[in-house]
Amino acid sequence: MSDHLTRQEDTIFGRILRGEIPADRVHEDDLCIAFRDVQPQAPVHLLVIPRDPLPSLAACNSSHAALLGHLLLVAARVAADAGLEGWRTVINTGAVAGQTVFHLHVHVIGGRPLQWPPG
C-alpha cells in the first residue's frame, strides 16, 4: 500500500469508517456511509463518504463513475429521509476550495434558505 493511501485512510473519515470514532450514521451500504456533520452549517448537514479512500473528486476517473453516481443517489435519499424539499450538494475539491478532509465526501445541506453564490 502506498504512503498516500495509508495517509488517506488515516483521515477522520477513515477512522469513522473503521468505527474508531462514533458517527450518527443515517445510511450505510457496501459502497458508502452517510452521517450527520458534527459541525453543521445548516439545520440539516449530512456527509456521504465512499468506503474507498479516494482523496478528492480530482482523484477519480471513469472507473469511478458508478460509485460517484451512487454517492449522489444516496445524497438524494438521505435528503428525502431527512424531510428536505430542497437541498444543496457540495463537493469541495482541494484546499483552495475549502476541502479540509482529504477523503472524498458529499455535503448535503438544507433546512434553511440557502444563498447564491455560496461563498
C-alpha atoms as a PDB file:
ATOM      1  CA  MET A   1       0.000   0.000   0.000  1.00  0.00           C
ATOM      2  CA  SER A   2       1.374   3.420  -0.901  1.00  0.00           C
ATOM      3  CA  ASP A   3       2.148   6.063   1.719  1.00  0.00           C
ATOM      4  CA  HIS A   4      -0.557   8.236   0.130  1.00  0.00           C
ATOM      5  CA  LEU A   5      -3.227   5.565   0.657  1.00  0.00           C
ATOM      6  CA  THR A   6      -2.063   4.964   4.218  1.00  0.00           C
ATOM      7  CA  ARG A   7      -2.348   8.685   4.976  1.00  0.00           C
ATOM      8  CA  GLN A   8      -5.723   8.781   3.229  1.00  0.00           C
ATOM      9  CA  GLU A   9      -7.113   6.007   5.402  1.00  0.00           C
ATOM     10  CA  ASP A  10      -5.869   7.865   8.499  1.00  0.00           C
ATOM     11  CA  THR A  11      -8.227  10.805   7.967  1.00  0.00           C
ATOM     12  CA  ILE A  12     -11.055  11.353  10.406  1.00  0.00           C
ATOM     13  CA  PHE A  13     -13.370   9.733   7.834  1.00  0.00           C
ATOM     14  CA  GLY A  14     -11.154   6.666   7.652  1.00  0.00           C
ATOM     15  CA  ARG A  15     -11.372   6.436  11.434  1.00  0.00           C
ATOM     16  CA  ILE A  16     -15.178   6.786  11.284  1.00  0.00           C
ATOM     17  CA  LEU A  17     -15.358   4.031   8.665  1.00  0.00           C
ATOM     18  CA  ARG A  18     -13.299   1.732  10.910  1.00  0.00           C
ATOM     19  CA  GLY A  19     -15.543   2.512  13.898  1.00  0.00           C
ATOM     20  CA  GLU A  20     -12.761   4.217  15.858  1.00  0.00           C
ATOM     21  CA  ILE A  21     -14.751   7.461  16.040  1.00  0.00           C
ATOM     22  CA  PRO A  22     -18.520   7.382  16.543  1.00  0.00           C
ATOM     23  CA  ALA A  23     -20.783   9.000  13.983  1.00  0.00           C
ATOM     24  CA  ASP A  24     -24.534   9.495  13.831  1.00  0.00           C
ATOM     25  CA  ARG A  25     -25.000   7.292  10.766  1.00  0.00           C
ATOM     26  CA  VAL A  26     -28.146   7.760   8.696  1.00  0.00           C
ATOM     27  CA  HIS A  27     -27.250   5.363   5.859  1.00  0.00           C
ATOM     28  CA  GLU A  28     -24.850   2.522   5.326  1.00  0.00           C
ATOM     29  CA  ASP A  29     -24.262   0.150   2.420  1.00  0.00           C
ATOM     30  CA  ASP A  30     -21.384  -1.721   0.831  1.00  0.00           C
ATOM     31  CA  LEU A  31     -20.138   1.375  -1.071  1.00  0.00           C
ATOM     32  CA  CYS A  32     -20.635   4.275   1.330  1.00  0.00           C
ATOM     33  CA  ILE A  33     -21.924   5.628   4.597  1.00  0.00           C
ATOM     34  CA  ALA A  34     -23.788   8.841   5.399  1.00  0.00           C
ATOM     35  CA  PHE A  35     -23.800  10.582   8.742  1.00  0.00           C
ATOM     36  CA  ARG A  36     -24.604  13.892  10.409  1.00  0.00           C
ATOM     37  CA  ASP A  37     -21.830  16.506  10.285  1.00  0.00           C
ATOM     38  CA  VAL A  38     -20.545  17.352  13.779  1.00  0.00           C
ATOM     39  CA  GLN A  39     -20.077  20.998  12.710  1.00  0.00           C
ATOM     40  CA  PRO A  40     -23.333  21.599  10.822  1.00  0.00           C
ATOM     41  CA  GLN A  41     -23.633  24.653   8.597  1.00  0.00           C
ATOM     42  CA  ALA A  42     -27.436  24.326   8.403  1.00  0.00           C
ATOM     43  CA  PRO A  43     -30.206  22.586  10.360  1.00  0.00           C
ATOM     44  CA  VAL A  44     -29.567  19.505   8.204  1.00  0.00           C
ATOM     45  CA  HIS A  45     -25.956  18.845   7.265  1.00  0.00           C
ATOM     46  CA  LEU A  46     -25.112  15.297   6.251  1.00  0.00           C
ATOM     47  CA  LEU A  47     -21.969  13.825   4.744  1.00  0.00           C
ATOM     48  CA  VAL A  48     -21.877  10.949   2.279  1.00  0.00           C
ATOM     49  CA  ILE A  49     -18.475   9.263   2.020  1.00  0.00           C
ATOM     50  CA  PRO A  50     -17.274   6.317  -0.015  1.00  0.00           C
ATOM     51  CA  ARG A  51     -15.732   3.359   1.753  1.00  0.00           C
ATOM     52  CA  ASP A  52     -12.861   3.554  -0.747  1.00  0.00           C
ATOM     53  CA  PRO A  53     -10.221   6.056   0.410  1.00  0.00           C
ATOM     54  CA  LEU A  54     -10.387   8.469  -2.526  1.00  0.00           C
ATOM     55  CA  PRO A  55      -8.761  11.775  -1.566  1.00  0.00           C
ATOM     56  CA  SER A  56     -10.968  14.015  -3.727  1.00  0.00           C
ATOM     57  CA  LEU A  57     -13.087  14.234  -6.840  1.00  0.00           C
ATOM     58  CA  ALA A  58      -9.912  15.158  -8.745  1.00  0.00           C
ATOM     59  CA  ALA A  59      -8.516  11.693  -7.968  1.00  0.00           C
ATOM     60  CA  CYS A  60     -11.451   9.984  -9.693  1.00  0.00           C
ATOM     61  CA  ASN A  61     -11.541   8.688 -13.243  1.00  0.00           C
ATOM     62  CA  SER A  62     -14.022   6.866 -15.457  1.00  0.00           C
ATOM     63  CA  SER A  63     -13.638   3.701 -13.377  1.00  0.00           C
ATOM     64  CA  HIS A  64     -15.318   5.579 -10.509  1.00  0.00           C
ATOM     65  CA  ALA A  65     -18.431   6.586 -12.489  1.00  0.00           C
ATOM     66  CA  ALA A  66     -20.759   4.062 -10.841  1.00  0.00           C
ATOM     67  CA  LEU A  67     -19.501   4.961  -7.369  1.00  0.00           C
ATOM     68  CA  LEU A  68     -19.922   8.687  -7.995  1.00  0.00           C
ATOM     69  CA  GLY A  69     -23.461   8.144  -9.251  1.00  0.00           C
ATOM     70  CA  HIS A  70     -24.201   6.017  -6.200  1.00  0.00           C
ATOM     71  CA  LEU A  71     -22.934   8.747  -3.853  1.00  0.00           C
ATOM     72  CA  LEU A  72     -25.279  11.279  -5.463  1.00  0.00           C
ATOM     73  CA  LEU A  73     -28.246   8.898  -5.318  1.00  0.00           C
ATOM     74  CA  VAL A  74     -27.540   8.250  -1.642  1.00  0.00           C
ATOM     75  CA  ALA A  75     -27.293  12.015  -1.095  1.00  0.00           C
ATOM     76  CA  ALA A  76     -30.778  12.412  -2.585  1.00  0.00           C
ATOM     77  CA  ARG A  77     -32.120   9.511  -0.490  1.00  0.00           C
ATOM     78  CA  VAL A  78     -30.766  10.838   2.835  1.00  0.00           C
ATOM     79  CA  ALA A  79     -32.032  14.339   1.987  1.00  0.00           C
ATOM     80  CA  ALA A  80     -35.519  12.931   1.368  1.00  0.00           C
ATOM     81  CA  ASP A  81     -35.310  10.812   4.524  1.00  0.00           C
ATOM     82  CA  ALA A  82     -34.435  13.993   6.455  1.00  0.00           C
ATOM     83  CA  GLY A  83     -37.611  15.610   5.110  1.00  0.00           C
ATOM     84  CA  LEU A  84     -35.860  18.148   2.916  1.00  0.00           C
ATOM     85  CA  GLU A  85     -37.852  19.528  -0.009  1.00  0.00           C
ATOM     86  CA  GLY A  86     -34.775  21.307  -1.343  1.00  0.00           C
ATOM     87  CA  TRP A  87     -31.117  20.940  -0.503  1.00  0.00           C
ATOM     88  CA  ARG A  88     -27.645  21.673  -1.740  1.00  0.00           C
ATOM     89  CA  THR A  89     -24.985  19.090  -2.503  1.00  0.00           C
ATOM     90  CA  VAL A  90     -21.396  20.285  -2.295  1.00  0.00           C
ATOM     91  CA  ILE A  91     -18.122  18.549  -3.119  1.00  0.00           C
ATOM     92  CA  ASN A  92     -15.123  20.692  -2.196  1.00  0.00           C
ATOM     93  CA  THR A  93     -12.041  19.673  -4.177  1.00  0.00           C
ATOM     94  CA  GLY A  94      -8.683  20.924  -2.969  1.00  0.00           C
ATOM     95  CA  ALA A  95      -7.663  23.115  -0.062  1.00  0.00           C
ATOM     96  CA  VAL A  96      -8.249  26.334  -2.043  1.00  0.00           C
ATOM     97  CA  ALA A  97     -11.902  25.258  -2.478  1.00  0.00           C
ATOM     98  CA  GLY A  98     -12.327  24.592   1.246  1.00  0.00           C
ATOM     99  CA  GLN A  99     -11.618  20.859   1.381  1.00  0.00           C
ATOM    100  CA  THR A 100     -10.267  20.112   4.864  1.00  0.00           C
ATOM    101  CA  VAL A 101     -10.583  16.314   4.971  1.00  0.00           C
ATOM    102  CA  PHE A 102      -8.876  14.606   2.053  1.00  0.00           C
ATOM    103  CA  HIS A 103     -11.337  11.762   1.693  1.00  0.00           C
ATOM    104  CA  LEU A 104     -13.973  12.395  -0.969  1.00  0.00           C
ATOM    105  CA  HIS A 105     -17.251  13.471   0.613  1.00  0.00           C
ATOM    106  CA  VAL A 106     -20.558  14.943  -0.477  1.00  0.00           C
ATOM    107  CA  HIS A 107     -22.151  17.543   1.786  1.00  0.00           C
ATOM    108  CA  VAL A 108     -25.964  17.504   1.864  1.00  0.00           C
ATOM    109  CA  ILE A 109     -27.106  20.827   3.303  1.00  0.00           C
ATOM    110  CA  GLY A 110     -30.654  22.079   3.871  1.00  0.00           C
ATOM    111  CA  GLY A 111     -33.369  23.011   6.286  1.00  0.00           C
ATOM    112  CA  ARG A 112     -32.996  26.756   5.739  1.00  0.00           C
ATOM    113  CA  PRO A 113     -32.895  29.119   2.754  1.00  0.00           C
ATOM    114  CA  LEU A 114     -29.522  28.844   1.014  1.00  0.00           C
ATOM    115  CA  GLN A 115     -27.972  31.890  -0.642  1.00  0.00           C
ATOM    116  CA  TRP A 116     -26.298  32.047  -4.047  1.00  0.00           C
ATOM    117  CA  PRO A 117     -23.456  32.428  -4.746  1.00  0.00           C
ATOM    118  CA  PRO A 118     -22.385  30.252  -1.826  1.00  0.00           C
ATOM    119  CA  GLY A 119     -19.123  31.943  -0.945  1.00  0.00           C
END
